[in-house]
C-alpha atoms as a PDB file:
ATOM      1  CA  UNK A   1      29.098  -1.596 -55.908  1.00  0.00           C
ATOM      2  CA  UNK A   2      31.347   1.362 -56.417  1.00  0.00           C
ATOM      3  CA  UNK A   3      33.158   3.214 -53.634  1.00  0.00           C
ATOM      4  CA  UNK A   4      30.819   6.200 -54.060  1.00  0.00           C
ATOM      5  CA  UNK A   5      27.722   3.958 -53.611  1.00  0.00           C
ATOM      6  CA  UNK A   6      29.183   2.346 -50.551  1.00  0.00           C
ATOM      7  CA  UNK A   7      29.968   5.753 -49.024  1.00  0.00           C
ATOM      8  CA  UNK A   8      26.477   6.916 -49.742  1.00  0.00           C
ATOM      9  CA  UNK A   9      24.934   3.912 -48.049  1.00  0.00           C
ATOM     10  CA  UNK A  10      27.220   4.324 -45.033  1.00  0.00           C
ATOM     11  CA  UNK A  11      26.382   7.991 -44.787  1.00  0.00           C
ATOM     12  CA  UNK A  12      22.695   7.216 -45.027  1.00  0.00           C
ATOM     13  CA  UNK A  13      23.004   4.520 -42.272  1.00  0.00           C
ATOM     14  CA  UNK A  14      24.868   6.791 -40.018  1.00  0.00           C
ATOM     15  CA  UNK A  15      22.398   9.664 -40.490  1.00  0.00           C
ATOM     16  CA  UNK A  16      19.624   7.258 -39.360  1.00  0.00           C
ATOM     17  CA  UNK A  17      21.593   5.754 -36.509  1.00  0.00           C
ATOM     18  CA  UNK A  18      22.932   8.928 -34.869  1.00  0.00           C
ATOM     19  CA  UNK A  19      19.522  10.328 -33.760  1.00  0.00           C
ATOM     20  CA  UNK A  20      18.603   6.899 -32.428  1.00  0.00           C
ATOM     21  CA  UNK A  21      21.852   6.663 -30.476  1.00  0.00           C
ATOM     22  CA  UNK A  22      21.398  10.132 -29.149  1.00  0.00           C
ATOM     23  CA  UNK A  23      17.844   9.354 -28.003  1.00  0.00           C
ATOM     24  CA  UNK A  24      18.987   6.112 -26.348  1.00  0.00           C
ATOM     25  CA  UNK A  25      21.659   8.057 -24.460  1.00  0.00           C
ATOM     26  CA  UNK A  26      18.993  10.167 -22.895  1.00  0.00           C
ATOM     27  CA  UNK A  27      16.932   7.275 -21.435  1.00  0.00           C
ATOM     28  CA  UNK A  28      16.682   7.587 -17.727  1.00  0.00           C
ATOM     29  CA  UNK A  29      16.864   4.407 -15.617  1.00  0.00           C
ATOM     30  CA  UNK A  30      16.199   3.262 -12.103  1.00  0.00           C
ATOM     31  CA  UNK A  31      16.111   0.056 -10.134  1.00  0.00           C
ATOM     32  CA  UNK A  32      14.167  -1.390  -7.209  1.00  0.00           C
ATOM     33  CA  UNK A  33      15.064  -4.080  -4.716  1.00  0.00           C
ATOM     34  CA  UNK A  34      11.623  -5.664  -4.905  1.00  0.00           C
ATOM     35  CA  UNK A  35      12.322  -8.156  -2.167  1.00  0.00           C
ATOM     36  CA  UNK A  36      13.240  -5.427   0.322  1.00  0.00           C
ATOM     37  CA  UNK A  37      10.165  -3.397  -0.683  1.00  0.00           C
ATOM     38  CA  UNK A  38       7.820  -6.354  -0.026  1.00  0.00           C
ATOM     39  CA  UNK A  39       9.441  -6.961   3.391  1.00  0.00           C
ATOM     40  CA  UNK A  40       9.471  -3.327   4.450  1.00  0.00           C
ATOM     41  CA  UNK A  41       6.124  -1.977   3.323  1.00  0.00           C
ATOM     42  CA  UNK A  42       3.520  -2.049   6.096  1.00  0.00           C
ATOM     43  CA  UNK A  43       1.221  -4.373   4.203  1.00  0.00           C
ATOM     44  CA  UNK A  44       4.079  -6.749   3.579  1.00  0.00           C
ATOM     45  CA  UNK A  45       5.119  -6.765   7.266  1.00  0.00           C
ATOM     46  CA  UNK A  46       1.474  -7.507   8.279  1.00  0.00           C
ATOM     47  CA  UNK A  47       1.201 -10.280   5.681  1.00  0.00           C
ATOM     48  CA  UNK A  48       4.481 -11.776   6.977  1.00  0.00           C
ATOM     49  CA  UNK A  49       3.177 -11.746  10.537  1.00  0.00           C
ATOM     50  CA  UNK A  50      -0.109 -13.478   9.483  1.00  0.00           C
ATOM     51  CA  UNK A  51       1.862 -16.112   7.455  1.00  0.00           C
ATOM     52  CA  UNK A  52       4.216 -16.673  10.368  1.00  0.00           C
ATOM     53  CA  UNK A  53       1.411 -17.231  12.864  1.00  0.00           C
ATOM     54  CA  UNK A  54      -0.257 -19.725  10.427  1.00  0.00           C
ATOM     55  CA  UNK A  55       3.048 -21.548   9.910  1.00  0.00           C
ATOM     56  CA  UNK A  56       3.695 -21.718  13.654  1.00  0.00           C
ATOM     57  CA  UNK A  57       0.252 -23.174  14.367  1.00  0.00           C
ATOM     58  CA  UNK A  58       0.788 -25.789  11.600  1.00  0.00           C
ATOM     59  CA  UNK A  59       4.242 -26.571  12.902  1.00  0.00           C
ATOM     60  CA  UNK A  60       2.976 -27.067  16.510  1.00  0.00           C
ATOM     61  CA  UNK A  61       0.270 -29.414  15.159  1.00  0.00           C
ATOM     62  CA  UNK A  62       2.843 -31.454  13.219  1.00  0.00           C
ATOM     63  CA  UNK A  63       5.317 -31.466  16.129  1.00  0.00           C
ATOM     64  CA  UNK A  64       2.644 -32.754  18.504  1.00  0.00           C
ATOM     65  CA  UNK A  65       1.689 -35.599  16.032  1.00  0.00           C
ATOM     66  CA  UNK A  66       5.379 -36.343  15.684  1.00  0.00           C
ATOM     67  CA  UNK A  67       5.883 -36.611  19.377  1.00  0.00           C
ATOM     68  CA  UNK A  68       2.850 -38.869  19.698  1.00  0.00           C
ATOM     69  CA  UNK A  69       4.335 -41.123  17.026  1.00  0.00           C
ATOM     70  CA  UNK A  70       7.689 -41.146  18.792  1.00  0.00           C
ATOM     71  CA  UNK A  71       5.975 -42.247  22.009  1.00  0.00           C
ATOM     72  CA  UNK A  72       4.027 -44.891  20.148  1.00  0.00           C
ATOM     73  CA  UNK A  73       7.250 -46.231  18.660  1.00  0.00           C
ATOM     74  CA  UNK A  74       8.885 -46.325  22.081  1.00  0.00           C
ATOM     75  CA  UNK A  75       5.961 -48.220  23.482  1.00  0.00           C
ATOM     76  CA  UNK A  76       5.975 -50.696  20.571  1.00  0.00           C
ATOM     77  CA  UNK A  77       9.738 -51.210  21.044  1.00  0.00           C
ATOM     78  CA  UNK A  78       9.279 -51.942  24.766  1.00  0.00           C
ATOM     79  CA  UNK A  79       6.294 -54.291  24.247  1.00  0.00           C
ATOM     80  CA  UNK A  80       7.548 -56.000  21.084  1.00  0.00           C
ATOM     81  CA  UNK A  81       9.116 -58.959  22.946  1.00  0.00           C
ATOM     82  CA  UNK A  82       5.715 -59.749  24.641  1.00  0.00           C
ATOM     83  CA  UNK A  83       3.781 -59.653  21.371  1.00  0.00           C
ATOM     84  CA  UNK A  84       3.218 -62.305  18.803  1.00  0.00           C
ATOM     85  CA  UNK A  85       5.114 -61.905  15.545  1.00  0.00           C
ATOM     86  CA  UNK A  86       1.864 -61.160  13.678  1.00  0.00           C
ATOM     87  CA  UNK A  87       0.724 -58.487  16.173  1.00  0.00           C
ATOM     88  CA  UNK A  88       4.253 -56.874  16.199  1.00  0.00           C
ATOM     89  CA  UNK A  89       4.349 -56.744  12.395  1.00  0.00           C
ATOM     90  CA  UNK A  90       0.790 -55.340  12.241  1.00  0.00           C
ATOM     91  CA  UNK A  91       1.622 -52.620  14.826  1.00  0.00           C
ATOM     92  CA  UNK A  92       4.851 -51.740  13.003  1.00  0.00           C
ATOM     93  CA  UNK A  93       3.054 -51.494   9.752  1.00  0.00           C
ATOM     94  CA  UNK A  94       0.369 -49.224  11.293  1.00  0.00           C
ATOM     95  CA  UNK A  95       3.027 -47.021  12.776  1.00  0.00           C
ATOM     96  CA  UNK A  96       4.810 -46.780   9.463  1.00  0.00           C
ATOM     97  CA  UNK A  97       1.570 -45.775   7.808  1.00  0.00           C
ATOM     98  CA  UNK A  98       1.058 -43.003  10.432  1.00  0.00           C
ATOM     99  CA  UNK A  99       4.591 -41.841   9.852  1.00  0.00           C
ATOM    100  CA  UNK A 100       3.980 -41.757   6.078  1.00  0.00           C
ATOM    101  CA  UNK A 101       0.673 -39.891   6.544  1.00  0.00           C
ATOM    102  CA  UNK A 102       2.387 -37.318   8.754  1.00  0.00           C
ATOM    103  CA  UNK A 103       5.065 -36.757   6.123  1.00  0.00           C
ATOM    104  CA  UNK A 104       2.333 -36.248   3.550  1.00  0.00           C
ATOM    105  CA  UNK A 105       0.544 -33.811   5.852  1.00  0.00           C
ATOM    106  CA  UNK A 106       3.820 -31.901   6.230  1.00  0.00           C
ATOM    107  CA  UNK A 107       4.306 -31.738   2.414  1.00  0.00           C
ATOM    108  CA  UNK A 108       0.674 -30.606   2.038  1.00  0.00           C
ATOM    109  CA  UNK A 109       1.291 -27.841   4.593  1.00  0.00           C
ATOM    110  CA  UNK A 110       4.320 -26.652   2.625  1.00  0.00           C
ATOM    111  CA  UNK A 111       2.136 -26.395  -0.499  1.00  0.00           C
ATOM    112  CA  UNK A 112      -0.574 -24.567   1.454  1.00  0.00           C
ATOM    113  CA  UNK A 113       2.005 -22.181   2.867  1.00  0.00           C
ATOM    114  CA  UNK A 114       3.242 -21.324  -0.641  1.00  0.00           C
ATOM    115  CA  UNK A 115      -0.372 -20.811  -1.858  1.00  0.00           C
ATOM    116  CA  UNK A 116      -1.170 -18.662   1.209  1.00  0.00           C
ATOM    117  CA  UNK A 117       1.959 -16.535   0.645  1.00  0.00           C
ATOM    118  CA  UNK A 118       1.057 -16.043  -3.071  1.00  0.00           C
ATOM    119  CA  UNK A 119      -2.525 -14.989  -2.183  1.00  0.00           C
ATOM    120  CA  UNK A 120      -1.227 -12.636   0.573  1.00  0.00           C
ATOM    121  CA  UNK A 121       1.439 -11.037  -1.612  1.00  0.00           C
ATOM    122  CA  UNK A 122      -0.457 -10.768  -4.918  1.00  0.00           C
ATOM    123  CA  UNK A 123      -2.424  -7.614  -4.043  1.00  0.00           C
ATOM    124  CA  UNK A 124       0.637  -6.098  -2.424  1.00  0.00           C
ATOM    125  CA  UNK A 125       2.660  -6.771  -5.506  1.00  0.00           C
ATOM    126  CA  UNK A 126       0.048  -5.074  -7.643  1.00  0.00           C
ATOM    127  CA  UNK A 127       0.135  -1.939  -5.440  1.00  0.00           C
ATOM    128  CA  UNK A 128       3.995  -1.897  -5.521  1.00  0.00           C
ATOM    129  CA  UNK A 129       3.916  -2.142  -9.370  1.00  0.00           C
ATOM    130  CA  UNK A 130       1.467   0.849  -9.405  1.00  0.00           C
ATOM    131  CA  UNK A 131       3.762   2.892  -7.160  1.00  0.00           C
ATOM    132  CA  UNK A 132       6.794   2.048  -9.270  1.00  0.00           C
ATOM    133  CA  UNK A 133       4.807   2.990 -12.397  1.00  0.00           C
ATOM    134  CA  UNK A 134       3.794   6.305 -10.913  1.00  0.00           C
ATOM    135  CA  UNK A 135       7.345   7.174  -9.717  1.00  0.00           C
ATOM    136  CA  UNK A 136       8.750   6.182 -13.201  1.00  0.00           C
ATOM    137  CA  UNK A 137       6.326   8.416 -14.956  1.00  0.00           C
ATOM    138  CA  UNK A 138       6.842  11.316 -12.573  1.00  0.00           C
ATOM    139  CA  UNK A 139      10.528  11.096 -12.902  1.00  0.00           C
ATOM    140  CA  UNK A 140      10.564  10.438 -16.627  1.00  0.00           C
ATOM    141  CA  UNK A 141      12.263   7.099 -16.311  1.00  0.00           C
ATOM    142  CA  UNK A 142      12.383   4.980 -19.438  1.00  0.00           C
ATOM    143  CA  UNK A 143      13.110   1.751 -17.654  1.00  0.00           C
ATOM    144  CA  UNK A 144      13.005   0.538 -14.037  1.00  0.00           C
ATOM    145  CA  UNK A 145      14.841  -2.768 -13.336  1.00  0.00           C
ATOM    146  CA  UNK A 146      14.361  -5.275 -10.481  1.00  0.00           C
ATOM    147  CA  UNK A 147      17.706  -5.392  -8.636  1.00  0.00           C
ATOM    148  CA  UNK A 148      18.077  -9.072  -8.089  1.00  0.00           C
ATOM    149  CA  UNK A 149      16.325 -10.863 -11.017  1.00  0.00           C
ATOM    150  CA  UNK A 150      17.244  -8.486 -13.820  1.00  0.00           C
ATOM    151  CA  UNK A 151      20.861  -9.415 -14.136  1.00  0.00           C
ATOM    152  CA  UNK A 152      21.816  -6.016 -12.784  1.00  0.00           C
ATOM    153  CA  UNK A 153      25.415  -6.399 -11.505  1.00  0.00           C
ATOM    154  CA  UNK A 154      26.118  -2.802 -10.572  1.00  0.00           C
ATOM    155  CA  UNK A 155      24.302   0.510 -10.524  1.00  0.00           C
ATOM    156  CA  UNK A 156      24.872   3.816  -8.739  1.00  0.00           C
ATOM    157  CA  UNK A 157      22.867   4.336  -5.655  1.00  0.00           C
ATOM    158  CA  UNK A 158      21.332   7.518  -7.146  1.00  0.00           C
ATOM    159  CA  UNK A 159      19.260   5.237  -9.421  1.00  0.00           C
ATOM    160  CA  UNK A 160      17.928   3.126  -6.552  1.00  0.00           C
ATOM    161  CA  UNK A 161      14.190   3.759  -6.122  1.00  0.00           C
ATOM    162  CA  UNK A 162      13.668   1.305  -3.294  1.00  0.00           C
ATOM    163  CA  UNK A 163      13.327   3.754  -0.396  1.00  0.00           C
ATOM    164  CA  UNK A 164      11.108   6.014  -2.351  1.00  0.00           C
ATOM    165  CA  UNK A 165       8.820   3.130  -3.339  1.00  0.00           C
ATOM    166  CA  UNK A 166       8.575   2.010   0.311  1.00  0.00           C
ATOM    167  CA  UNK A 167       7.803   5.565   1.518  1.00  0.00           C
ATOM    168  CA  UNK A 168       5.307   6.206  -1.259  1.00  0.00           C
ATOM    169  CA  UNK A 169       3.579   2.836  -0.798  1.00  0.00           C
ATOM    170  CA  UNK A 170       3.246   3.254   2.955  1.00  0.00           C
ATOM    171  CA  UNK A 171       2.005   6.835   2.733  1.00  0.00           C
ATOM    172  CA  UNK A 172      -0.491   5.912  -0.038  1.00  0.00           C
ATOM    173  CA  UNK A 173      -1.800   3.123   2.191  1.00  0.00           C
ATOM    174  CA  UNK A 174      -2.533   5.754   4.724  1.00  0.00           C
ATOM    175  CA  UNK A 175      -4.388   7.928   2.271  1.00  0.00           C
ATOM    176  CA  UNK A 176      -1.674  10.430   1.610  1.00  0.00           C
ATOM    177  CA  UNK A 177      -0.525   9.227  -1.834  1.00  0.00           C
ATOM    178  CA  UNK A 178      -0.885  12.612  -3.633  1.00  0.00           C
ATOM    179  CA  UNK A 179       0.714  14.571  -0.806  1.00  0.00           C
ATOM    180  CA  UNK A 180       3.741  12.270  -0.489  1.00  0.00           C
ATOM    181  CA  UNK A 181       6.990  14.307  -0.736  1.00  0.00           C
ATOM    182  CA  UNK A 182       9.587  13.449  -3.264  1.00  0.00           C
ATOM    183  CA  UNK A 183      12.217  11.316  -1.674  1.00  0.00           C
ATOM    184  CA  UNK A 184      15.623  12.827  -1.109  1.00  0.00           C
ATOM    185  CA  UNK A 185      17.274   9.754  -2.638  1.00  0.00           C
ATOM    186  CA  UNK A 186      15.232   9.805  -5.877  1.00  0.00           C
ATOM    187  CA  UNK A 187      17.127   9.595  -9.139  1.00  0.00           C
ATOM    188  CA  UNK A 188      18.762  12.808 -10.167  1.00  0.00           C
ATOM    189  CA  UNK A 189      17.338  14.572 -13.280  1.00  0.00           C
END
């Protein structure tokens, strides 16, 4: 390929790339601390309270069963010398089975807690996504990143949409979505 052909190809490639690079330079971005939004919106706070009450009731139940098993073990230890070997082994085996069952119950409760959290948060997450979408469209943002999971290491605070998402979500939950004022910390145009 001659020098003239190479220069022609290079000029053509540059003419195609420059408008693309210019358009990419104009993309507006934002980011959201999703975890903070979920913890600070009113629905998220209410869900957290409901989950906490459920967890506390389950923990009390497990704690009382654990205490009963502890007392049963103390009783077995005190009476072990008066029992026949066969009776003592049987009671110790029964106690171990109860301990194992309680551990299984605790594991099952952990799984139930995760499932309850998922069910509680799923509709809230859907609403948050809608709010983020509306804000991004209104502000002309080409991309909105999640602060923690996106690999975002640093961004200027002016691109942080978190407070605006929280305010908009809470006001829309109260029926004021269309009248919500633009947040003072919204991204600059």
